[in-house]
């Protein structure tokens, strides 16, 4: 039986002010995902994002653009999704 890989991420809380910190955390996430995929012999096939993606609703447009640029697109590209 083959395994289905689902990456569940929650409460990213990204904003313009913490985008550099989130980018550093993304580096650690990439290492963890690589190790897990190798040790469990799985490929991530889906991402489940829950909780707060951005830090403030009043800064919705710039914060979501930052989330997409700094976090989401690098994760999707890394996983070939």
N, C-alpha and C. Protein backbone atom coordinates (compact mmCIF):
# COMPACT_ATOMS: atom_id res chain seq x y z
N UNK A 1 0.84 -1.17 0.00
CA UNK A 1 0.00 0.00 0.00
C UNK A 1 0.89 1.25 0.00
N UNK A 2 0.61 2.19 -0.87
CA UNK A 2 1.40 3.41 -0.91
C UNK A 2 0.87 4.43 0.09
N UNK A 3 1.75 5.29 0.56
CA UNK A 3 1.40 6.30 1.54
C UNK A 3 1.03 7.60 0.83
N UNK A 4 0.06 8.31 1.38
CA UNK A 4 -0.31 9.62 0.88
C UNK A 4 0.34 10.66 1.79
N UNK A 5 1.08 11.58 1.20
CA UNK A 5 1.75 12.61 1.98
C UNK A 5 0.94 13.90 1.99
N UNK A 6 0.52 14.31 3.19
CA UNK A 6 -0.19 15.58 3.37
C UNK A 6 0.59 16.41 4.37
N UNK A 7 0.97 17.61 3.96
CA UNK A 7 1.68 18.54 4.84
C UNK A 7 0.64 19.46 5.46
N UNK A 8 0.51 19.42 6.78
CA UNK A 8 -0.45 20.28 7.48
C UNK A 8 0.31 21.40 8.18
N UNK A 9 -0.01 22.63 7.81
CA UNK A 9 0.62 23.81 8.40
C UNK A 9 -0.47 24.70 8.98
N UNK A 10 -0.21 25.29 10.14
CA UNK A 10 -1.23 26.09 10.80
C UNK A 10 -0.64 27.35 11.39
N UNK A 11 -1.45 28.39 11.36
CA UNK A 11 -1.14 29.65 12.05
C UNK A 11 0.22 30.24 11.66
N UNK A 12 0.37 30.53 10.38
CA UNK A 12 1.60 31.13 9.87
C UNK A 12 1.76 32.57 10.37
N UNK A 13 0.69 33.32 10.42
CA UNK A 13 0.68 34.70 10.94
C UNK A 13 1.72 35.60 10.28
N UNK A 14 1.79 35.59 8.97
CA UNK A 14 2.80 36.39 8.28
C UNK A 14 2.32 37.84 8.10
N UNK A 15 3.28 38.75 8.12
CA UNK A 15 3.04 40.16 7.83
C UNK A 15 4.32 40.71 7.19
N UNK A 16 4.25 41.94 6.75
CA UNK A 16 5.46 42.57 6.19
C UNK A 16 6.57 42.62 7.25
N UNK A 17 6.17 42.82 8.50
CA UNK A 17 7.17 42.99 9.57
C UNK A 17 7.90 41.70 9.94
N UNK A 18 7.28 40.55 9.75
CA UNK A 18 7.95 39.30 10.16
C UNK A 18 8.30 38.40 8.97
N UNK A 19 8.29 38.94 7.77
CA UNK A 19 8.53 38.11 6.59
C UNK A 19 9.93 37.50 6.57
N UNK A 20 10.92 38.20 7.10
CA UNK A 20 12.28 37.64 7.14
C UNK A 20 12.34 36.45 8.10
N UNK A 21 11.67 36.56 9.23
CA UNK A 21 11.64 35.45 10.19
C UNK A 21 10.92 34.24 9.59
N UNK A 22 9.82 34.48 8.89
CA UNK A 22 9.09 33.39 8.25
C UNK A 22 9.94 32.74 7.17
N UNK A 23 10.71 33.53 6.43
CA UNK A 23 11.59 32.97 5.41
C UNK A 23 12.64 32.05 6.05
N UNK A 24 13.16 32.43 7.22
CA UNK A 24 14.12 31.58 7.93
C UNK A 24 13.44 30.29 8.40
N UNK A 25 12.23 30.40 8.90
CA UNK A 25 11.49 29.21 9.33
C UNK A 25 11.21 28.29 8.15
N UNK A 26 11.00 28.87 6.98
CA UNK A 26 10.76 28.08 5.78
C UNK A 26 11.97 27.20 5.44
N UNK A 27 13.15 27.72 5.66
CA UNK A 27 14.37 26.93 5.45
C UNK A 27 14.36 25.70 6.35
N UNK A 28 13.99 25.88 7.61
CA UNK A 28 13.91 24.75 8.55
C UNK A 28 12.81 23.78 8.14
N UNK A 29 11.69 24.31 7.70
CA UNK A 29 10.59 23.46 7.24
C UNK A 29 11.04 22.59 6.07
N UNK A 30 11.75 23.19 5.12
CA UNK A 30 12.24 22.44 3.96
C UNK A 30 13.13 21.28 4.39
N UNK A 31 14.01 21.52 5.35
CA UNK A 31 14.89 20.45 5.85
C UNK A 31 14.08 19.35 6.52
N UNK A 32 13.10 19.74 7.34
CA UNK A 32 12.26 18.75 8.02
C UNK A 32 11.46 17.92 7.03
N UNK A 33 10.90 18.57 6.02
CA UNK A 33 10.11 17.85 5.02
C UNK A 33 10.99 16.88 4.24
N UNK A 34 12.20 17.32 3.87
CA UNK A 34 13.12 16.43 3.15
C UNK A 34 13.44 15.19 3.98
N UNK A 35 13.76 15.39 5.26
CA UNK A 35 14.09 14.26 6.13
C UNK A 35 12.91 13.31 6.28
N UNK A 36 11.71 13.85 6.49
CA UNK A 36 10.53 13.02 6.66
C UNK A 36 10.23 12.23 5.38
N UNK A 37 10.30 12.90 4.26
CA UNK A 37 9.99 12.23 3.00
C UNK A 37 10.98 11.10 2.72
N UNK A 38 12.25 11.33 3.02
CA UNK A 38 13.26 10.29 2.81
C UNK A 38 13.07 9.13 3.78
N UNK A 39 12.87 9.43 5.05
CA UNK A 39 12.77 8.36 6.04
C UNK A 39 11.48 7.56 5.91
N UNK A 40 10.39 8.22 5.54
CA UNK A 40 9.09 7.54 5.41
C UNK A 40 8.80 7.09 3.98
N UNK A 41 9.69 7.44 3.06
CA UNK A 41 9.54 7.09 1.64
C UNK A 41 8.17 7.52 1.09
N UNK A 42 7.89 8.81 1.31
CA UNK A 42 6.64 9.38 0.80
C UNK A 42 6.92 10.64 0.00
N UNK A 43 5.94 11.03 -0.78
CA UNK A 43 5.97 12.29 -1.50
C UNK A 43 4.76 13.10 -1.06
N UNK A 44 4.99 14.35 -0.68
CA UNK A 44 3.89 15.22 -0.29
C UNK A 44 3.04 15.48 -1.53
N UNK A 45 1.76 15.18 -1.41
CA UNK A 45 0.84 15.34 -2.54
C UNK A 45 -0.20 16.43 -2.31
N UNK A 46 -0.29 16.92 -1.07
CA UNK A 46 -1.27 17.96 -0.75
C UNK A 46 -0.78 18.75 0.45
N UNK A 47 -1.22 19.99 0.52
CA UNK A 47 -0.93 20.85 1.68
C UNK A 47 -2.26 21.29 2.26
N UNK A 48 -2.37 21.19 3.57
CA UNK A 48 -3.55 21.66 4.29
C UNK A 48 -3.13 22.85 5.14
N UNK A 49 -3.65 24.03 4.83
CA UNK A 49 -3.34 25.25 5.57
C UNK A 49 -4.53 25.59 6.45
N UNK A 50 -4.31 25.69 7.75
CA UNK A 50 -5.38 26.03 8.68
C UNK A 50 -4.93 27.16 9.58
N UNK A 51 -5.86 27.73 10.30
CA UNK A 51 -5.52 28.82 11.22
C UNK A 51 -5.32 30.11 10.47
N UNK A 52 -4.65 31.04 11.13
CA UNK A 52 -4.42 32.37 10.56
C UNK A 52 -3.20 32.36 9.65
N UNK A 53 -3.40 32.67 8.38
CA UNK A 53 -2.29 32.74 7.43
C UNK A 53 -1.57 34.07 7.55
N UNK A 54 -2.33 35.13 7.79
CA UNK A 54 -1.74 36.47 7.92
C UNK A 54 -1.98 36.98 9.34
N UNK A 55 -1.24 38.00 9.70
CA UNK A 55 -1.25 38.47 11.07
C UNK A 55 -2.40 39.41 11.38
N UNK A 56 -2.86 40.19 10.39
CA UNK A 56 -3.88 41.19 10.67
C UNK A 56 -4.82 41.35 9.49
N UNK A 57 -6.12 41.30 9.78
CA UNK A 57 -7.11 41.50 8.73
C UNK A 57 -7.10 42.90 8.17
N UNK A 58 -6.66 43.87 8.97
CA UNK A 58 -6.64 45.25 8.48
C UNK A 58 -5.53 45.47 7.45
N UNK A 59 -4.58 44.56 7.39
CA UNK A 59 -3.49 44.63 6.42
C UNK A 59 -3.61 43.49 5.42
N UNK A 60 -4.84 43.12 5.07
CA UNK A 60 -5.11 41.93 4.28
C UNK A 60 -4.33 41.87 2.98
N UNK A 61 -4.44 42.88 2.13
CA UNK A 61 -3.84 42.81 0.79
C UNK A 61 -2.32 42.69 0.85
N UNK A 62 -1.61 43.60 1.54
CA UNK A 62 -0.14 43.44 1.56
C UNK A 62 0.31 42.18 2.30
N UNK A 63 -0.39 41.81 3.37
CA UNK A 63 0.01 40.62 4.12
C UNK A 63 -0.19 39.35 3.31
N UNK A 64 -1.33 39.24 2.60
CA UNK A 64 -1.54 38.04 1.81
C UNK A 64 -0.56 37.98 0.64
N UNK A 65 -0.24 39.12 0.05
CA UNK A 65 0.78 39.14 -1.02
C UNK A 65 2.12 38.67 -0.48
N UNK A 66 2.46 39.09 0.73
CA UNK A 66 3.71 38.65 1.37
C UNK A 66 3.65 37.16 1.65
N UNK A 67 2.53 36.66 2.17
CA UNK A 67 2.36 35.23 2.42
C UNK A 67 2.58 34.43 1.14
N UNK A 68 1.96 34.88 0.06
CA UNK A 68 2.09 34.17 -1.21
C UNK A 68 3.54 34.18 -1.71
N UNK A 69 4.20 35.34 -1.65
CA UNK A 69 5.56 35.48 -2.18
C UNK A 69 6.60 34.79 -1.31
N UNK A 70 6.52 35.00 0.00
CA UNK A 70 7.57 34.54 0.92
C UNK A 70 7.38 33.09 1.35
N UNK A 71 6.12 32.65 1.43
CA UNK A 71 5.87 31.32 1.99
C UNK A 71 5.22 30.35 1.01
N UNK A 72 4.06 30.68 0.52
CA UNK A 72 3.27 29.73 -0.26
C UNK A 72 3.97 29.28 -1.54
N UNK A 73 4.39 30.21 -2.37
CA UNK A 73 5.00 29.83 -3.64
C UNK A 73 6.30 29.04 -3.44
N UNK A 74 7.18 29.43 -2.51
CA UNK A 74 8.37 28.59 -2.28
C UNK A 74 8.02 27.17 -1.84
N UNK A 75 6.99 27.00 -0.99
CA UNK A 75 6.58 25.67 -0.54
C UNK A 75 6.04 24.88 -1.73
N UNK A 76 5.16 25.49 -2.51
CA UNK A 76 4.59 24.79 -3.66
C UNK A 76 5.67 24.40 -4.67
N UNK A 77 6.61 25.30 -4.91
CA UNK A 77 7.71 25.00 -5.84
C UNK A 77 8.60 23.88 -5.30
N UNK A 78 8.91 23.93 -4.01
CA UNK A 78 9.75 22.90 -3.41
C UNK A 78 9.13 21.52 -3.55
N UNK A 79 7.80 21.45 -3.39
CA UNK A 79 7.10 20.17 -3.44
C UNK A 79 6.59 19.82 -4.82
N UNK A 80 6.89 20.65 -5.81
CA UNK A 80 6.42 20.44 -7.18
C UNK A 80 4.90 20.31 -7.25
N UNK A 81 4.21 21.18 -6.56
CA UNK A 81 2.74 21.18 -6.55
C UNK A 81 2.20 22.35 -7.35
